[in-house]
Amino acid sequence: MNLKFLILLIVAMVSWGISWPIAKLIAGLVPVNVLVFWRFFATFLSVIPLLVWFKIPFRLKSGRDYLNVLIGGIIYTLYNLFFFLGLKNGLPGAGGVLVTTLNPIVTFFMVVVVQKKNISKRQVFGLFFGFLGGLTILQVWKISIDYLMLSGNLFFLLCSFVWATLSLNSQRTGKSMSPLTYSFYVYGIGSLIELMFCFSDPSFFKVWDFGLSFWMSIFYLTVISTTFGTTVYFYAATRLGSEIASSFIFIVPLSAYISSYLMLGENLQIPVIVGGSLAMLAVYLINSKGKHA
C-alpha cells in the first residue's frame, strides 16, 4: 500500500472522529438551524475550488439527477439537525461510537430489504452482532423515552437511519456525477432549506460576535472534517479500492471516543466500549469476504 495514501486515510478518519467533540463545543451556542446553515454554507463554498481545480463539471445530466440531489439535500439536512440535537443533550464520544458503527450496519440492512439482495451466513452473524452492539451502546436496560431524549441517543439513532437513506440516494448518483458534484448541490440545497427557517432568528447574525474559537470550530467541521476528510476518502478509495479504504472507518469511533475524553473530559463507559467493539466486528463480518467468495 502506498504510504502517502495510508497516512492520508488515517488523518481523514481521525479528522472525522475529532469533529464530534468540536461540534459539541458549539452545539448549544445558537439554535440548531443556525448552526446547520453556517456549516452547510461554508462547506458549499469550500467545495467550489475543488471542483474547479480537478475540472469536475458542475452541470447535471438529467432530471433524475436534479431530483436525487434535491432529495439528498433534504435528507442530509435532517441528518445534521439530528446530529446537533443529539450533541446538544448527549455525549459526543458515545454518540460518535453509536452513529459511526451503526451507519454501515443499518445501511447494509436497508440495502438488503430495499434491493432484496441475498446475504451470506457471515453477514447474518454481522447483523446480529451489530444489533447486539447497538443495544449495548444504547444501554437498553435503561431504555425509556426520558432516557433516550436526555442522553441524546434517540437523535443519534435517527442519524444512523437517515444516513442509511442518504447512502442509498447517493449510490443512485454514482454513475452520473462525481461525489464532489453531489456534495456541491446537496450542501447548496441544504443551505437554502435552513436559510428559510433561520434567517429571521435573532441569533443568525450574532454568530459574528462569537469570536475566533467559534469560527475555527466551523472551519474544522467544514473544511477539515467534511471537505478534506471526505475528499481524501473518496480519492483514496479510487486508488486503493473501496474495500481497503472502507476498512479505515474503524478508526472513526475510536478517535471520536478518545478525543472526547481528552478535549471534554468525557467519562469512559464500559457499555460504549463493549458495544462499539461488537459493532465494529459486525462491520468487518458484513464487509469481509468468505474463503470461497
Protein backbone atom coordinates (compact mmCIF):
# COMPACT_ATOMS: atom_id res chain seq x y z
CA MET A 1 0.00 0.00 0.00
CA ASN A 2 1.28 3.44 -0.89
CA LEU A 3 2.49 5.17 2.27
CA LYS A 4 1.04 8.51 1.18
CA PHE A 5 -2.48 7.14 0.89
CA LEU A 6 -2.09 5.22 4.15
CA ILE A 7 -1.23 8.42 6.01
CA LEU A 8 -3.94 10.44 4.24
CA LEU A 9 -6.63 7.88 5.08
CA ILE A 10 -5.62 7.72 8.73
CA VAL A 11 -5.63 11.52 9.00
CA ALA A 12 -9.02 11.72 7.26
CA MET A 13 -10.61 9.16 9.60
CA VAL A 14 -9.14 10.82 12.69
CA SER A 15 -10.47 14.18 11.46
CA TRP A 16 -13.96 12.65 11.27
CA GLY A 17 -13.65 11.39 14.84
CA ILE A 18 -12.39 14.69 16.26
CA SER A 19 -15.34 16.51 14.67
CA TRP A 20 -17.66 15.07 17.34
CA PRO A 21 -16.26 16.85 20.43
CA ILE A 22 -15.60 20.01 18.40
CA ALA A 23 -19.25 20.07 17.30
CA LYS A 24 -20.27 19.54 20.93
CA LEU A 25 -18.40 22.74 21.91
CA ILE A 26 -20.64 24.90 19.70
CA ALA A 27 -23.85 22.84 19.73
CA GLY A 28 -25.52 24.92 22.44
CA LEU A 29 -24.40 28.40 21.40
CA VAL A 30 -27.16 29.11 18.86
CA PRO A 31 -30.30 27.31 17.61
CA VAL A 32 -29.61 24.14 15.67
CA ASN A 33 -30.97 25.54 12.39
CA VAL A 34 -28.50 28.43 12.53
CA LEU A 35 -25.57 26.07 13.15
CA VAL A 36 -26.57 23.75 10.32
CA PHE A 37 -26.92 26.68 7.90
CA TRP A 38 -23.45 28.07 8.58
CA ARG A 39 -21.88 24.61 8.40
CA PHE A 40 -23.64 23.86 5.10
CA PHE A 41 -22.91 27.24 3.56
CA ALA A 42 -19.22 27.16 4.50
CA THR A 43 -18.88 23.61 3.12
CA PHE A 44 -20.74 24.60 -0.06
CA LEU A 45 -18.20 27.40 -0.65
CA SER A 46 -15.22 25.17 0.17
CA VAL A 47 -16.23 22.56 -2.44
CA ILE A 48 -16.18 25.06 -5.32
CA PRO A 49 -12.34 25.40 -5.52
CA LEU A 50 -12.01 21.60 -5.60
CA LEU A 51 -14.47 21.30 -8.49
CA VAL A 52 -12.52 23.96 -10.38
CA TRP A 53 -9.09 22.52 -9.52
CA PHE A 54 -9.98 18.95 -10.57
CA LYS A 55 -12.02 20.24 -13.55
CA ILE A 56 -15.13 18.39 -12.42
CA PRO A 57 -18.30 19.58 -14.21
CA PHE A 58 -20.96 21.43 -12.24
CA ARG A 59 -23.66 20.52 -14.75
CA LEU A 60 -26.16 17.76 -14.01
CA LYS A 61 -27.08 15.40 -16.83
CA SER A 62 -30.77 14.65 -16.33
CA GLY A 63 -33.94 15.46 -14.48
CA ARG A 64 -33.36 12.36 -12.36
CA ASP A 65 -30.06 13.87 -11.18
CA TYR A 66 -31.82 17.07 -10.14
CA LEU A 67 -34.39 15.03 -8.22
CA ASN A 68 -31.70 12.95 -6.49
CA VAL A 69 -29.68 15.96 -5.32
CA LEU A 70 -32.88 17.63 -4.09
CA ILE A 71 -33.78 14.54 -2.07
CA GLY A 72 -30.17 14.27 -0.89
CA GLY A 73 -30.19 17.88 0.30
CA ILE A 74 -33.38 17.30 2.31
CA ILE A 75 -32.10 14.05 3.84
CA TYR A 76 -28.68 15.45 4.74
CA THR A 77 -30.33 18.48 6.34
CA LEU A 78 -32.30 16.10 8.59
CA TYR A 79 -29.11 14.20 9.42
CA ASN A 80 -27.32 17.36 10.56
CA LEU A 81 -30.33 18.51 12.59
CA PHE A 82 -30.36 15.19 14.45
CA PHE A 83 -26.54 15.35 14.76
CA PHE A 84 -26.53 18.70 16.57
CA LEU A 85 -29.68 17.94 18.60
CA GLY A 86 -28.02 14.76 19.86
CA LEU A 87 -24.81 16.60 20.72
CA LYS A 88 -26.75 19.36 22.48
CA ASN A 89 -28.03 16.84 25.02
CA GLY A 90 -25.71 13.88 24.75
CA LEU A 91 -22.08 12.83 24.92
CA PRO A 92 -20.03 13.22 21.72
CA GLY A 93 -17.84 10.17 22.34
CA ALA A 94 -20.75 7.81 22.91
CA GLY A 95 -22.64 9.39 20.01
CA GLY A 96 -19.61 9.08 17.75
CA VAL A 97 -19.31 5.38 18.54
CA LEU A 98 -23.04 4.72 18.13
CA VAL A 99 -23.51 6.57 14.84
CA THR A 100 -20.27 5.68 13.06
CA THR A 101 -20.54 1.95 13.90
CA LEU A 102 -24.28 1.61 13.22
CA ASN A 103 -24.24 3.63 9.96
CA PRO A 104 -22.76 0.85 7.77
CA ILE A 105 -24.83 -1.82 9.54
CA VAL A 106 -28.15 -0.01 9.11
CA THR A 107 -27.20 0.88 5.52
CA PHE A 108 -26.47 -2.76 4.69
CA PHE A 109 -29.76 -3.86 6.28
CA MET A 110 -31.73 -1.30 4.25
CA VAL A 111 -29.95 -2.35 1.03
CA VAL A 112 -30.93 -5.98 1.69
CA VAL A 113 -34.57 -5.01 2.34
CA VAL A 114 -34.96 -2.48 -0.48
CA GLN A 115 -32.89 -4.21 -3.16
CA LYS A 116 -33.78 -7.74 -1.98
CA LYS A 117 -30.19 -8.98 -2.11
CA ASN A 118 -29.18 -12.38 -0.81
CA ILE A 119 -26.88 -12.38 2.21
CA SER A 120 -24.39 -14.93 3.49
CA LYS A 121 -24.28 -16.58 6.92
CA ARG A 122 -21.28 -14.42 7.76
CA GLN A 123 -23.32 -11.29 7.04
CA VAL A 124 -26.26 -12.61 9.09
CA PHE A 125 -23.88 -13.00 12.04
CA GLY A 126 -22.62 -9.49 11.32
CA LEU A 127 -26.12 -8.03 11.51
CA PHE A 128 -26.73 -9.92 14.76
CA PHE A 129 -23.54 -8.59 16.38
CA GLY A 130 -24.33 -5.11 15.07
CA PHE A 131 -27.81 -5.23 16.59
CA LEU A 132 -26.39 -6.53 19.87
CA GLY A 133 -23.68 -3.85 19.86
CA GLY A 134 -26.22 -1.11 19.20
CA LEU A 135 -28.39 -2.25 22.10
CA THR A 136 -25.33 -2.32 24.37
CA ILE A 137 -24.24 1.21 23.42
CA LEU A 138 -27.81 2.42 23.96
CA GLN A 139 -27.76 0.64 27.35
CA VAL A 140 -31.10 -0.99 26.57
CA TRP A 141 -31.60 -1.97 30.21
CA LYS A 142 -32.13 1.75 30.95
CA ILE A 143 -34.37 2.41 27.98
CA SER A 144 -37.23 4.86 28.43
CA ILE A 145 -38.41 7.85 26.42
CA ASP A 146 -36.95 10.22 29.02
CA TYR A 147 -33.57 8.44 28.96
CA LEU A 148 -33.43 8.45 25.15
CA MET A 149 -34.23 12.17 24.97
CA LEU A 150 -31.92 13.29 27.79
CA SER A 151 -28.99 11.14 26.63
CA GLY A 152 -29.29 12.28 23.03
CA ASN A 153 -29.29 8.64 21.92
CA LEU A 154 -32.66 8.94 20.19
CA PHE A 155 -31.23 11.60 17.86
CA PHE A 156 -28.02 9.58 17.34
CA LEU A 157 -30.13 6.55 16.45
CA LEU A 158 -32.13 8.65 13.98
CA CYS A 159 -28.81 9.80 12.49
CA SER A 160 -27.96 6.20 11.59
CA PHE A 161 -31.27 5.56 9.83
CA VAL A 162 -31.19 8.90 7.99
CA TRP A 163 -27.57 8.27 6.90
CA ALA A 164 -28.57 4.88 5.50
CA THR A 165 -31.26 6.58 3.40
CA LEU A 166 -28.72 9.16 2.24
CA SER A 167 -26.31 6.36 1.25
CA LEU A 168 -28.95 4.75 -0.94
CA ASN A 169 -29.69 8.12 -2.53
CA SER A 170 -26.02 8.91 -3.22
CA GLN A 171 -25.49 5.42 -4.61
CA ARG A 172 -28.02 6.15 -7.35
CA THR A 173 -25.96 9.15 -8.46
CA GLY A 174 -22.59 7.37 -8.57
CA LYS A 175 -22.63 6.67 -12.30
CA SER A 176 -23.87 10.08 -13.42
CA MET A 177 -21.85 12.54 -11.32
CA SER A 178 -18.77 12.96 -9.15
CA PRO A 179 -19.19 12.71 -5.34
CA LEU A 180 -17.93 16.31 -5.19
CA THR A 181 -20.64 17.47 -7.61
CA TYR A 182 -23.22 15.64 -5.50
CA SER A 183 -21.84 17.29 -2.35
CA PHE A 184 -21.88 20.73 -4.01
CA TYR A 185 -25.61 20.52 -4.74
CA VAL A 186 -26.56 18.75 -1.51
CA TYR A 187 -24.88 21.43 0.63
CA GLY A 188 -26.28 24.21 -1.54
CA ILE A 189 -29.83 22.87 -1.25
CA GLY A 190 -29.36 22.27 2.47
CA SER A 191 -28.20 25.87 2.92
CA LEU A 192 -31.31 27.20 1.18
CA ILE A 193 -33.60 24.99 3.26
CA GLU A 194 -32.05 26.10 6.55
CA LEU A 195 -31.93 29.74 5.46
CA MET A 196 -35.73 29.76 5.15
CA PHE A 197 -36.05 28.59 8.77
CA CYS A 198 -33.32 30.60 10.47
CA PHE A 199 -32.86 33.91 8.62
CA SER A 200 -35.34 35.71 10.86
CA ASP A 201 -33.78 34.26 14.01
CA PRO A 202 -32.12 36.98 16.14
CA SER A 203 -29.00 34.85 16.54
CA PHE A 204 -28.48 34.46 12.77
CA PHE A 205 -26.04 37.38 12.60
CA LYS A 206 -24.91 37.14 16.23
CA VAL A 207 -22.57 34.32 15.26
CA TRP A 208 -20.15 37.04 14.10
CA ASP A 209 -19.82 38.11 17.74
CA PHE A 210 -18.70 34.70 18.98
CA GLY A 211 -15.05 35.28 18.19
CA LEU A 212 -12.27 33.24 16.70
CA SER A 213 -12.90 29.98 18.57
CA PHE A 214 -16.41 29.59 17.13
CA TRP A 215 -15.27 30.18 13.56
CA MET A 216 -12.27 27.91 13.99
CA SER A 217 -14.72 25.19 15.02
CA ILE A 218 -16.88 25.91 11.95
CA PHE A 219 -13.74 25.89 9.79
CA TYR A 220 -12.73 22.49 11.19
CA LEU A 221 -16.21 20.99 10.73
CA THR A 222 -16.43 22.21 7.14
CA VAL A 223 -13.00 22.44 5.52
CA ILE A 224 -11.02 19.88 7.56
CA SER A 225 -13.56 17.23 8.56
CA THR A 226 -16.03 17.40 5.67
CA THR A 227 -14.31 18.79 2.56
CA PHE A 228 -10.78 17.49 3.24
CA GLY A 229 -11.73 14.26 5.03
CA THR A 230 -14.42 13.19 2.58
CA THR A 231 -12.39 14.15 -0.49
CA VAL A 232 -9.36 12.20 0.73
CA TYR A 233 -11.54 9.17 1.47
CA PHE A 234 -13.14 9.11 -1.99
CA TYR A 235 -9.83 9.83 -3.73
CA ALA A 236 -8.00 7.12 -1.82
CA ALA A 237 -10.86 4.69 -2.47
CA THR A 238 -10.38 5.13 -6.22
CA ARG A 239 -6.66 4.36 -5.90
CA LEU A 240 -6.71 1.63 -3.24
CA GLY A 241 -10.16 0.15 -3.76
CA SER A 242 -13.28 0.82 -1.73
CA GLU A 243 -12.89 -2.38 0.31
CA ILE A 244 -9.46 -1.36 1.66
CA ALA A 245 -10.43 2.28 2.12
CA SER A 246 -13.67 1.45 3.96
CA SER A 247 -11.81 -0.69 6.49
CA PHE A 248 -10.19 2.51 7.80
CA ILE A 249 -13.61 3.66 9.06
CA PHE A 250 -12.87 1.52 12.12
CA ILE A 251 -10.60 4.39 13.23
CA VAL A 252 -13.53 6.88 13.45
CA PRO A 253 -15.38 5.63 16.58
CA LEU A 254 -12.10 5.11 18.43
CA SER A 255 -10.82 8.60 17.60
CA ALA A 256 -14.21 10.13 18.47
CA TYR A 257 -14.17 8.50 21.89
CA ILE A 258 -10.53 9.27 22.69
CA SER A 259 -10.76 12.90 21.51
CA SER A 260 -13.94 13.41 23.56
CA TYR A 261 -12.11 12.06 26.61
CA LEU A 262 -9.09 14.33 26.03
CA MET A 263 -10.92 17.50 24.95
CA LEU A 264 -14.06 17.38 27.09
CA GLY A 265 -13.17 15.01 29.89
CA GLU A 266 -15.95 12.60 28.90
CA ASN A 267 -16.01 9.56 31.18
CA LEU A 268 -15.09 6.23 29.63
CA GLN A 269 -18.17 3.97 29.64
CA ILE A 270 -17.79 0.19 29.58
CA PRO A 271 -21.09 -0.38 27.65
CA VAL A 272 -19.92 2.01 24.91
CA ILE A 273 -16.54 0.26 24.61
CA VAL A 274 -18.11 -3.23 24.56
CA GLY A 275 -20.94 -2.24 22.22
CA GLY A 276 -18.60 -0.36 19.92
CA SER A 277 -16.31 -3.40 19.69
CA LEU A 278 -19.28 -5.66 18.81
CA ALA A 279 -20.48 -3.18 16.18
CA MET A 280 -17.01 -2.92 14.60
CA LEU A 281 -16.87 -6.73 14.48
CA ALA A 282 -20.24 -6.60 12.73
CA VAL A 283 -18.97 -4.16 10.11
CA TYR A 284 -15.97 -6.45 9.50
CA LEU A 285 -18.17 -9.53 9.05
CA ILE A 286 -20.60 -7.72 6.76
CA ASN A 287 -17.87 -6.31 4.50
CA SER A 288 -15.34 -9.17 4.58
CA LYS A 289 -15.34 -11.99 2.06
CA GLY A 290 -15.57 -15.65 2.95
CA LYS A 291 -13.00 -18.21 1.82
CA HIS A 292 -14.96 -19.06 -1.33
CA ALA A 293 -16.23 -15.56 -2.13
